[in-house]
């Protein structure tokens, strides 16, 4: 992810893009998908989505839908602060 974005915003962009990515027909039958966000040499965030738990819902934020189906494995303090301020659903 570009260094021009704050770490939290970079992760949010990737989670929002993942919402559409996870709905691809090519992923049918997949058990899990791991999503990692790097900025330069630093891993800002990583989660594993359990596809059986992923339920697209247009009335909820895309990042929350992805996070609800995920186990968060790594999150930097900057991303965690961003998540608290913006109200993300975070499952650890």
PDB file of N, CA and C in Angstrom:
ATOM      1  N   UNK A   1       0.849  -1.166   0.000  1.00  0.00           N
ATOM      2  CA  UNK A   1       0.000   0.000   0.000  1.00  0.00           C
ATOM      3  C   UNK A   1       0.900   1.236   0.000  1.00  0.00           C
ATOM      4  N   UNK A   2       0.428   2.253  -0.611  1.00  0.00           N
ATOM      5  CA  UNK A   2       1.180   3.501  -0.733  1.00  0.00           C
ATOM      6  C   UNK A   2       1.484   4.095   0.641  1.00  0.00           C
ATOM      7  N   UNK A   3       2.680   4.669   0.765  1.00  0.00           N
ATOM      8  CA  UNK A   3       3.064   5.353   2.006  1.00  0.00           C
ATOM      9  C   UNK A   3       2.308   6.664   2.184  1.00  0.00           C
ATOM     10  N   UNK A   4       1.605   7.117   1.143  1.00  0.00           N
ATOM     11  CA  UNK A   4       0.859   8.368   1.234  1.00  0.00           C
ATOM     12  C   UNK A   4      -0.364   8.241   2.138  1.00  0.00           C
ATOM     13  N   UNK A   5      -0.854   7.016   2.339  1.00  0.00           N
ATOM     14  CA  UNK A   5      -2.019   6.792   3.186  1.00  0.00           C
ATOM     15  C   UNK A   5      -1.588   6.500   4.615  1.00  0.00           C
ATOM     16  N   UNK A   6      -2.418   6.902   5.580  1.00  0.00           N
ATOM     17  CA  UNK A   6      -2.147   6.497   6.956  1.00  0.00           C
ATOM     18  C   UNK A   6      -2.338   4.981   7.042  1.00  0.00           C
ATOM     19  N   UNK A   7      -1.701   4.317   7.997  1.00  0.00           N
ATOM     20  CA  UNK A   7      -1.850   2.863   8.102  1.00  0.00           C
ATOM     21  C   UNK A   7      -3.307   2.403   8.215  1.00  0.00           C
ATOM     22  N   UNK A   8      -4.099   3.080   9.023  1.00  0.00           N
ATOM     23  CA  UNK A   8      -5.497   2.689   9.183  1.00  0.00           C
ATOM     24  C   UNK A   8      -6.294   2.817   7.901  1.00  0.00           C
ATOM     25  N   UNK A   9      -6.088   3.904   7.199  1.00  0.00           N
ATOM     26  CA  UNK A   9      -6.802   4.119   5.939  1.00  0.00           C
ATOM     27  C   UNK A   9      -6.355   3.104   4.882  1.00  0.00           C
ATOM     28  N   UNK A  10      -5.081   2.761   4.881  1.00  0.00           N
ATOM     29  CA  UNK A  10      -4.581   1.747   3.949  1.00  0.00           C
ATOM     30  C   UNK A  10      -5.285   0.414   4.192  1.00  0.00           C
ATOM     31  N   UNK A  11      -5.408   0.026   5.445  1.00  0.00           N
ATOM     32  CA  UNK A  11      -6.074  -1.242   5.779  1.00  0.00           C
ATOM     33  C   UNK A  11      -7.549  -1.177   5.404  1.00  0.00           C
ATOM     34  N   UNK A  12      -8.200  -0.057   5.687  1.00  0.00           N
ATOM     35  CA  UNK A  12      -9.612   0.066   5.341  1.00  0.00           C
ATOM     36  C   UNK A  12      -9.826  -0.077   3.839  1.00  0.00           C
ATOM     37  N   UNK A  13      -8.972   0.517   3.040  1.00  0.00           N
ATOM     38  CA  UNK A  13      -9.079   0.383   1.579  1.00  0.00           C
ATOM     39  C   UNK A  13      -8.983  -1.086   1.164  1.00  0.00           C
ATOM     40  N   UNK A  14      -8.029  -1.807   1.734  1.00  0.00           N
ATOM     41  CA  UNK A  14      -7.855  -3.215   1.377  1.00  0.00           C
ATOM     42  C   UNK A  14      -9.059  -4.037   1.823  1.00  0.00           C
ATOM     43  N   UNK A  15      -9.575  -3.796   3.024  1.00  0.00           N
ATOM     44  CA  UNK A  15     -10.754  -4.533   3.486  1.00  0.00           C
ATOM     45  C   UNK A  15     -11.957  -4.263   2.587  1.00  0.00           C
ATOM     46  N   UNK A  16     -12.137  -3.019   2.183  1.00  0.00           N
ATOM     47  CA  UNK A  16     -13.250  -2.686   1.286  1.00  0.00           C
ATOM     48  C   UNK A  16     -13.097  -3.381  -0.069  1.00  0.00           C
ATOM     49  N   UNK A  17     -11.880  -3.422  -0.602  1.00  0.00           N
ATOM     50  CA  UNK A  17     -11.637  -4.114  -1.865  1.00  0.00           C
ATOM     51  C   UNK A  17     -11.820  -5.624  -1.699  1.00  0.00           C
ATOM     52  N   UNK A  18     -11.481  -6.129  -0.531  1.00  0.00           N
ATOM     53  CA  UNK A  18     -11.617  -7.566  -0.250  1.00  0.00           C
ATOM     54  C   UNK A  18     -13.074  -7.999  -0.252  1.00  0.00           C
ATOM     55  N   UNK A  19     -13.966  -7.114   0.142  1.00  0.00           N
ATOM     56  CA  UNK A  19     -15.404  -7.413   0.162  1.00  0.00           C
ATOM     57  C   UNK A  19     -15.859  -7.915  -1.208  1.00  0.00           C
ATOM     58  N   UNK A  20     -15.488  -7.198  -2.264  1.00  0.00           N
ATOM     59  CA  UNK A  20     -15.839  -7.619  -3.625  1.00  0.00           C
ATOM     60  C   UNK A  20     -15.035  -8.848  -4.055  1.00  0.00           C
ATOM     61  N   UNK A  21     -13.756  -8.862  -3.729  1.00  0.00           N
ATOM     62  CA  UNK A  21     -12.887  -9.973  -4.094  1.00  0.00           C
ATOM     63  C   UNK A  21     -13.422 -11.302  -3.548  1.00  0.00           C
ATOM     64  N   UNK A  22     -13.882 -11.300  -2.306  1.00  0.00           N
ATOM     65  CA  UNK A  22     -14.348 -12.527  -1.658  1.00  0.00           C
ATOM     66  C   UNK A  22     -15.641 -13.079  -2.276  1.00  0.00           C
ATOM     67  N   UNK A  23     -16.323 -12.282  -3.072  1.00  0.00           N
ATOM     68  CA  UNK A  23     -17.566 -12.733  -3.707  1.00  0.00           C
ATOM     69  C   UNK A  23     -17.350 -13.371  -5.075  1.00  0.00           C
ATOM     70  N   UNK A  24     -16.119 -13.483  -5.521  1.00  0.00           N
ATOM     71  CA  UNK A  24     -15.824 -14.067  -6.829  1.00  0.00           C
ATOM     72  C   UNK A  24     -16.205 -15.546  -6.880  1.00  0.00           C
ATOM     73  N   UNK A  25     -16.739 -15.948  -8.000  1.00  0.00           N
ATOM     74  CA  UNK A  25     -17.105 -17.351  -8.201  1.00  0.00           C
ATOM     75  C   UNK A  25     -15.892 -18.270  -8.062  1.00  0.00           C
ATOM     76  N   UNK A  26     -14.716 -17.787  -8.411  1.00  0.00           N
ATOM     77  CA  UNK A  26     -13.496 -18.592  -8.318  1.00  0.00           C
ATOM     78  C   UNK A  26     -13.179 -19.024  -6.883  1.00  0.00           C
ATOM     79  N   UNK A  27     -13.737 -18.351  -5.904  1.00  0.00           N
ATOM     80  CA  UNK A  27     -13.448 -18.684  -4.512  1.00  0.00           C
ATOM     81  C   UNK A  27     -14.451 -19.661  -3.907  1.00  0.00           C
ATOM     82  N   UNK A  28     -15.470 -20.041  -4.660  1.00  0.00           N
ATOM     83  CA  UNK A  28     -16.431 -21.022  -4.160  1.00  0.00           C
ATOM     84  C   UNK A  28     -15.687 -22.312  -3.820  1.00  0.00           C
ATOM     85  N   UNK A  29     -15.992 -22.877  -2.664  1.00  0.00           N
ATOM     86  CA  UNK A  29     -15.335 -24.094  -2.213  1.00  0.00           C
ATOM     87  C   UNK A  29     -14.064 -23.839  -1.412  1.00  0.00           C
ATOM     88  N   UNK A  30     -13.643 -22.578  -1.321  1.00  0.00           N
ATOM     89  CA  UNK A  30     -12.462 -22.222  -0.539  1.00  0.00           C
ATOM     90  C   UNK A  30     -12.848 -22.137   0.935  1.00  0.00           C
ATOM     91  N   UNK A  31     -12.029 -22.704   1.799  1.00  0.00           N
ATOM     92  CA  UNK A  31     -12.317 -22.657   3.232  1.00  0.00           C
ATOM     93  C   UNK A  31     -11.946 -21.309   3.850  1.00  0.00           C
ATOM     94  N   UNK A  32     -10.727 -20.854   3.567  1.00  0.00           N
ATOM     95  CA  UNK A  32     -10.255 -19.596   4.151  1.00  0.00           C
ATOM     96  C   UNK A  32      -9.470 -18.796   3.123  1.00  0.00           C
ATOM     97  N   UNK A  33      -9.421 -17.482   3.366  1.00  0.00           N
ATOM     98  CA  UNK A  33      -8.610 -16.568   2.557  1.00  0.00           C
ATOM     99  C   UNK A  33      -7.870 -15.665   3.537  1.00  0.00           C
ATOM    100  N   UNK A  34      -6.557 -15.573   3.399  1.00  0.00           N
ATOM    101  CA  UNK A  34      -5.767 -14.694   4.257  1.00  0.00           C
ATOM    102  C   UNK A  34      -5.510 -13.387   3.526  1.00  0.00           C
ATOM    103  N   UNK A  35      -5.733 -12.291   4.237  1.00  0.00           N
ATOM    104  CA  UNK A  35      -5.554 -10.951   3.700  1.00  0.00           C
ATOM    105  C   UNK A  35      -4.463 -10.274   4.519  1.00  0.00           C
ATOM    106  N   UNK A  36      -3.421  -9.831   3.851  1.00  0.00           N
ATOM    107  CA  UNK A  36      -2.338  -9.120   4.515  1.00  0.00           C
ATOM    108  C   UNK A  36      -2.145  -7.759   3.885  1.00  0.00           C
ATOM    109  N   UNK A  37      -1.846  -6.767   4.711  1.00  0.00           N
ATOM    110  CA  UNK A  37      -1.618  -5.406   4.216  1.00  0.00           C
ATOM    111  C   UNK A  37      -0.214  -4.981   4.628  1.00  0.00           C
ATOM    112  N   UNK A  38       0.589  -4.680   3.622  1.00  0.00           N
ATOM    113  CA  UNK A  38       1.955  -4.223   3.852  1.00  0.00           C
ATOM    114  C   UNK A  38       2.081  -2.774   3.381  1.00  0.00           C
ATOM    115  N   UNK A  39       2.905  -2.022   4.083  1.00  0.00           N
ATOM    116  CA  UNK A  39       3.248  -0.667   3.672  1.00  0.00           C
ATOM    117  C   UNK A  39       4.769  -0.592   3.756  1.00  0.00           C
ATOM    118  N   UNK A  40       5.408  -0.617   2.613  1.00  0.00           N
ATOM    119  CA  UNK A  40       6.866  -0.738   2.605  1.00  0.00           C
ATOM    120  C   UNK A  40       7.239  -2.123   3.124  1.00  0.00           C
ATOM    121  N   UNK A  41       8.128  -2.177   4.101  1.00  0.00           N
ATOM    122  CA  UNK A  41       8.557  -3.447   4.691  1.00  0.00           C
ATOM    123  C   UNK A  41       7.735  -3.842   5.914  1.00  0.00           C
ATOM    124  N   UNK A  42       6.747  -3.039   6.279  1.00  0.00           N
ATOM    125  CA  UNK A  42       5.985  -3.293   7.505  1.00  0.00           C
ATOM    126  C   UNK A  42       4.624  -3.917   7.204  1.00  0.00           C
ATOM    127  N   UNK A  43       4.336  -5.028   7.869  1.00  0.00           N
ATOM    128  CA  UNK A  43       3.002  -5.639   7.782  1.00  0.00           C
ATOM    129  C   UNK A  43       2.124  -4.910   8.799  1.00  0.00           C
ATOM    130  N   UNK A  44       1.125  -4.196   8.282  1.00  0.00           N
ATOM    131  CA  UNK A  44       0.233  -3.408   9.129  1.00  0.00           C
ATOM    132  C   UNK A  44      -0.894  -4.240   9.725  1.00  0.00           C
ATOM    133  N   UNK A  45      -1.310  -5.253   8.959  1.00  0.00           N
ATOM    134  CA  UNK A  45      -2.538  -5.959   9.320  1.00  0.00           C
ATOM    135  C   UNK A  45      -2.558  -7.295   8.605  1.00  0.00           C
ATOM    136  N   UNK A  46      -3.112  -8.304   9.279  1.00  0.00           N
ATOM    137  CA  UNK A  46      -3.360  -9.584   8.627  1.00  0.00           C
ATOM    138  C   UNK A  46      -4.564 -10.233   9.296  1.00  0.00           C
ATOM    139  N   UNK A  47      -5.436 -10.804   8.471  1.00  0.00           N
ATOM    140  CA  UNK A  47      -6.573 -11.554   8.982  1.00  0.00           C
ATOM    141  C   UNK A  47      -6.839 -12.738   8.061  1.00  0.00           C
ATOM    142  N   UNK A  48      -7.514 -13.733   8.604  1.00  0.00           N
ATOM    143  CA  UNK A  48      -7.939 -14.875   7.804  1.00  0.00           C
ATOM    144  C   UNK A  48      -9.458 -14.915   7.836  1.00  0.00           C
ATOM    145  N   UNK A  49     -10.055 -14.884   6.648  1.00  0.00           N
ATOM    146  CA  UNK A  49     -11.505 -14.902   6.485  1.00  0.00           C
ATOM    147  C   UNK A  49     -11.963 -16.356   6.359  1.00  0.00           C
ATOM    148  N   UNK A  50     -12.919 -16.750   7.169  1.00  0.00           N
ATOM    149  CA  UNK A  50     -13.562 -18.056   7.031  1.00  0.00           C
ATOM    150  C   UNK A  50     -14.726 -17.860   6.071  1.00  0.00           C
ATOM    151  N   UNK A  51     -14.619 -18.453   4.899  1.00  0.00           N
ATOM    152  CA  UNK A  51     -15.579 -18.178   3.834  1.00  0.00           C
ATOM    153  C   UNK A  51     -17.009 -18.573   4.194  1.00  0.00           C
ATOM    154  N   UNK A  52     -17.201 -19.600   5.011  1.00  0.00           N
ATOM    155  CA  UNK A  52     -18.560 -19.991   5.420  1.00  0.00           C
ATOM    156  C   UNK A  52     -19.215 -18.911   6.278  1.00  0.00           C
ATOM    157  N   UNK A  53     -18.409 -18.081   6.925  1.00  0.00           N
ATOM    158  CA  UNK A  53     -18.931 -17.006   7.773  1.00  0.00           C
ATOM    159  C   UNK A  53     -19.128 -15.696   7.006  1.00  0.00           C
ATOM    160  N   UNK A  54     -18.559 -15.611   5.808  1.00  0.00           N
ATOM    161  CA  UNK A  54     -18.636 -14.379   5.021  1.00  0.00           C
ATOM    162  C   UNK A  54     -20.025 -14.255   4.410  1.00  0.00           C
ATOM    163  N   UNK A  55     -20.751 -13.207   4.812  1.00  0.00           N
ATOM    164  CA  UNK A  55     -22.124 -13.001   4.344  1.00  0.00           C
ATOM    165  C   UNK A  55     -22.275 -11.556   3.857  1.00  0.00           C
ATOM    166  N   UNK A  56     -22.152 -11.322   2.554  1.00  0.00           N
ATOM    167  CA  UNK A  56     -22.294  -9.960   2.024  1.00  0.00           C
ATOM    168  C   UNK A  56     -23.603  -9.321   2.492  1.00  0.00           C
ATOM    169  N   UNK A  57     -23.508  -8.045   2.847  1.00  0.00           N
ATOM    170  CA  UNK A  57     -24.654  -7.322   3.373  1.00  0.00           C
ATOM    171  C   UNK A  57     -24.450  -5.852   3.042  1.00  0.00           C
ATOM    172  N   UNK A  58     -25.254  -5.322   2.139  1.00  0.00           N
ATOM    173  CA  UNK A  58     -25.089  -3.942   1.699  1.00  0.00           C
ATOM    174  C   UNK A  58     -25.526  -2.903   2.732  1.00  0.00           C
ATOM    175  N   UNK A  59     -26.151  -3.334   3.822  1.00  0.00           N
ATOM    176  CA  UNK A  59     -26.582  -2.367   4.828  1.00  0.00           C
ATOM    177  C   UNK A  59     -25.546  -2.185   5.943  1.00  0.00           C
ATOM    178  N   UNK A  60     -24.419  -2.873   5.830  1.00  0.00           N
ATOM    179  CA  UNK A  60     -23.326  -2.791   6.813  1.00  0.00           C
ATOM    180  C   UNK A  60     -22.064  -2.400   6.053  1.00  0.00           C
ATOM    181  N   UNK A  61     -21.128  -1.742   6.733  1.00  0.00           N
ATOM    182  CA  UNK A  61     -19.903  -1.351   6.039  1.00  0.00           C
ATOM    183  C   UNK A  61     -19.159  -2.589   5.528  1.00  0.00           C
ATOM    184  N   UNK A  62     -18.533  -2.439   4.378  1.00  0.00           N
ATOM    185  CA  UNK A  62     -17.829  -3.564   3.754  1.00  0.00           C
ATOM    186  C   UNK A  62     -16.728  -4.103   4.669  1.00  0.00           C
ATOM    187  N   UNK A  63     -16.004  -3.201   5.320  1.00  0.00           N
ATOM    188  CA  UNK A  63     -14.920  -3.656   6.195  1.00  0.00           C
ATOM    189  C   UNK A  63     -15.475  -4.465   7.368  1.00  0.00           C
ATOM    190  N   UNK A  64     -16.608  -4.062   7.932  1.00  0.00           N
ATOM    191  CA  UNK A  64     -17.207  -4.817   9.037  1.00  0.00           C
ATOM    192  C   UNK A  64     -17.671  -6.203   8.593  1.00  0.00           C
ATOM    193  N   UNK A  65     -18.203  -6.315   7.385  1.00  0.00           N
ATOM    194  CA  UNK A  65     -18.632  -7.626   6.882  1.00  0.00           C
ATOM    195  C   UNK A  65     -17.428  -8.558   6.777  1.00  0.00           C
ATOM    196  N   UNK A  66     -16.322  -8.047   6.240  1.00  0.00           N
ATOM    197  CA  UNK A  66     -15.114  -8.862   6.113  1.00  0.00           C
ATOM    198  C   UNK A  66     -14.582  -9.222   7.494  1.00  0.00           C
ATOM    199  N   UNK A  67     -14.509  -8.246   8.395  1.00  0.00           N
ATOM    200  CA  UNK A  67     -13.973  -8.506   9.734  1.00  0.00           C
ATOM    201  C   UNK A  67     -14.834  -9.468  10.541  1.00  0.00           C
ATOM    202  N   UNK A  68     -16.141  -9.410  10.361  1.00  0.00           N
ATOM    203  CA  UNK A  68     -17.036 -10.301  11.101  1.00  0.00           C
ATOM    204  C   UNK A  68     -16.753 -11.768  10.778  1.00  0.00           C
ATOM    205  N   UNK A  69     -16.290 -12.031   9.569  1.00  0.00           N
ATOM    206  CA  UNK A  69     -15.997 -13.401   9.135  1.00  0.00           C
ATOM    207  C   UNK A  69     -14.527 -13.768   9.341  1.00  0.00           C
ATOM    208  N   UNK A  70     -13.777 -12.902  10.022  1.00  0.00           N
ATOM    209  CA  UNK A  70     -12.324 -13.051  10.089  1.00  0.00           C
ATOM    210  C   UNK A  70     -11.796 -13.247  11.500  1.00  0.00           C
ATOM    211  N   UNK A  71     -10.596 -13.800  11.526  1.00  0.00           N
ATOM    212  CA  UNK A  71      -9.786 -13.811  12.739  1.00  0.00           C
ATOM    213  C   UNK A  71      -8.615 -12.884  12.454  1.00  0.00           C
ATOM    214  N   UNK A  72      -8.490 -11.822  13.240  1.00  0.00           N
ATOM    215  CA  UNK A  72      -7.394 -10.876  13.063  1.00  0.00           C
ATOM    216  C   UNK A  72      -6.149 -11.472  13.710  1.00  0.00           C
ATOM    217  N   UNK A  73      -5.083 -11.576  12.930  1.00  0.00           N
ATOM    218  CA  UNK A  73      -3.848 -12.192  13.406  1.00  0.00           C
ATOM    219  C   UNK A  73      -2.747 -11.178  13.695  1.00  0.00           C
ATOM    220  N   UNK A  74      -2.835 -10.010  13.069  1.00  0.00           N
ATOM    221  CA  UNK A  74      -1.818  -8.977  13.258  1.00  0.00           C
ATOM    222  C   UNK A  74      -2.460  -7.626  13.006  1.00  0.00           C
ATOM    223  N   UNK A  75      -2.130  -6.680  13.900  1.00  0.00           N
ATOM    224  CA  UNK A  75      -2.614  -5.316  13.724  1.00  0.00           C
ATOM    225  C   UNK A  75      -1.654  -4.391  14.464  1.00  0.00           C
ATOM    226  N   UNK A  76      -1.118  -3.414  13.767  1.00  0.00           N
ATOM    227  CA  UNK A  76      -0.212  -2.469  14.413  1.00  0.00           C
ATOM    228  C   UNK A  76      -1.023  -1.554  15.337  1.00  0.00           C
ATOM    229  N   UNK A  77      -0.370  -0.940  16.317  1.00  0.00           N
ATOM    230  CA  UNK A  77      -1.082  -0.011  17.210  1.00  0.00           C
ATOM    231  C   UNK A  77      -1.780   1.130  16.467  1.00  0.00           C
ATOM    232  N   UNK A  78      -1.172   1.629  15.372  1.00  0.00           N
ATOM    233  CA  UNK A  78      -1.789   2.715  14.602  1.00  0.00           C
ATOM    234  C   UNK A  78      -3.093   2.250  13.965  1.00  0.00           C
ATOM    235  N   UNK A  79      -3.100   1.032  13.441  1.00  0.00           N
ATOM    236  CA  UNK A  79      -4.307   0.496  12.821  1.00  0.00           C
ATOM    237  C   UNK A  79      -5.357   0.218  13.890  1.00  0.00           C
ATOM    238  N   UNK A  80      -4.938  -0.284  15.034  1.00  0.00           N
ATOM    239  CA  UNK A  80      -5.883  -0.550  16.118  1.00  0.00           C
ATOM    240  C   UNK A  80      -6.557   0.741  16.591  1.00  0.00           C
ATOM    241  N   UNK A  81      -5.798   1.817  16.705  1.00  0.00           N
ATOM    242  CA  UNK A  81      -6.367   3.112  17.101  1.00  0.00           C
ATOM    243  C   UNK A  81      -7.359   3.597  16.049  1.00  0.00           C
ATOM    244  N   UNK A  82      -7.000   3.495  14.779  1.00  0.00           N
ATOM    245  CA  UNK A  82      -7.895   3.872  13.690  1.00  0.00           C
ATOM    246  C   UNK A  82      -9.187   3.058  13.774  1.00  0.00           C
ATOM    247  N   UNK A  83      -9.058   1.763  14.026  1.00  0.00           N
ATOM    248  CA  UNK A  83     -10.215   0.881  14.113  1.00  0.00           C
ATOM    249  C   UNK A  83     -11.151   1.297  15.252  1.00  0.00           C
ATOM    250  N   UNK A  84     -10.596   1.675  16.374  1.00  0.00           N
ATOM    251  CA  UNK A  84     -11.415   2.113  17.517  1.00  0.00           C
ATOM    252  C   UNK A  84     -12.154   3.408  17.183  1.00  0.00           C
ATOM    253  N   UNK A  85     -11.438   4.353  16.589  1.00  0.00           N
ATOM    254  CA  UNK A  85     -12.026   5.658  16.266  1.00  0.00           C
ATOM    255  C   UNK A  85     -13.150   5.515  15.230  1.00  0.00           C
ATOM    256  N   UNK A  86     -12.948   4.642  14.244  1.00  0.00           N
ATOM    257  CA  UNK A  86     -13.947   4.495  13.179  1.00  0.00           C
ATOM    258  C   UNK A  86     -15.012   3.469  13.503  1.00  0.00           C
ATOM    259  N   UNK A  87     -14.861   2.747  14.611  1.00  0.00           N
ATOM    260  CA  UNK A  87     -15.911   1.822  15.039  1.00  0.00           C
ATOM    261  C   UNK A  87     -15.916   0.478  14.346  1.00  0.00           C
ATOM    262  N   UNK A  88     -14.768   0.016  13.842  1.00  0.00           N
ATOM    263  CA  UNK A  88     -14.723  -1.305  13.197  1.00  0.00           C
ATOM    264  C   UNK A  88     -15.102  -2.395  14.177  1.00  0.00           C
ATOM    265  N   UNK A  89     -15.672  -3.438  13.642  1.00  0.00           N
ATOM    266  CA  UNK A  89     -15.883  -4.659  14.404  1.00  0.00           C
ATOM    267  C   UNK A  89     -14.592  -5.443  14.310  1.00  0.00           C
ATOM    268  N   UNK A  90     -13.915  -5.621  15.430  1.00  0.00           N
ATOM    269  CA  UNK A  90     -12.637  -6.313  15.411  1.00  0.00           C
ATOM    270  C   UNK A  90     -12.738  -7.597  16.234  1.00  0.00           C
ATOM    271  N   UNK A  91     -12.431  -8.682  15.599  1.00  0.00           N
ATOM    272  CA  UNK A  91     -12.427  -9.976  16.279  1.00  0.00           C
ATOM    273  C   UNK A  91     -10.989 -10.439  16.384  1.00  0.00           C
ATOM    274  N   UNK A  92     -10.528 -10.678  17.588  1.00  0.00           N
ATOM    275  CA  UNK A  92      -9.154 -11.161  17.766  1.00  0.00           C
ATOM    276  C   UNK A  92      -9.176 -12.593  18.173  1.00  0.00           C
TER     277      UNK A  92
END
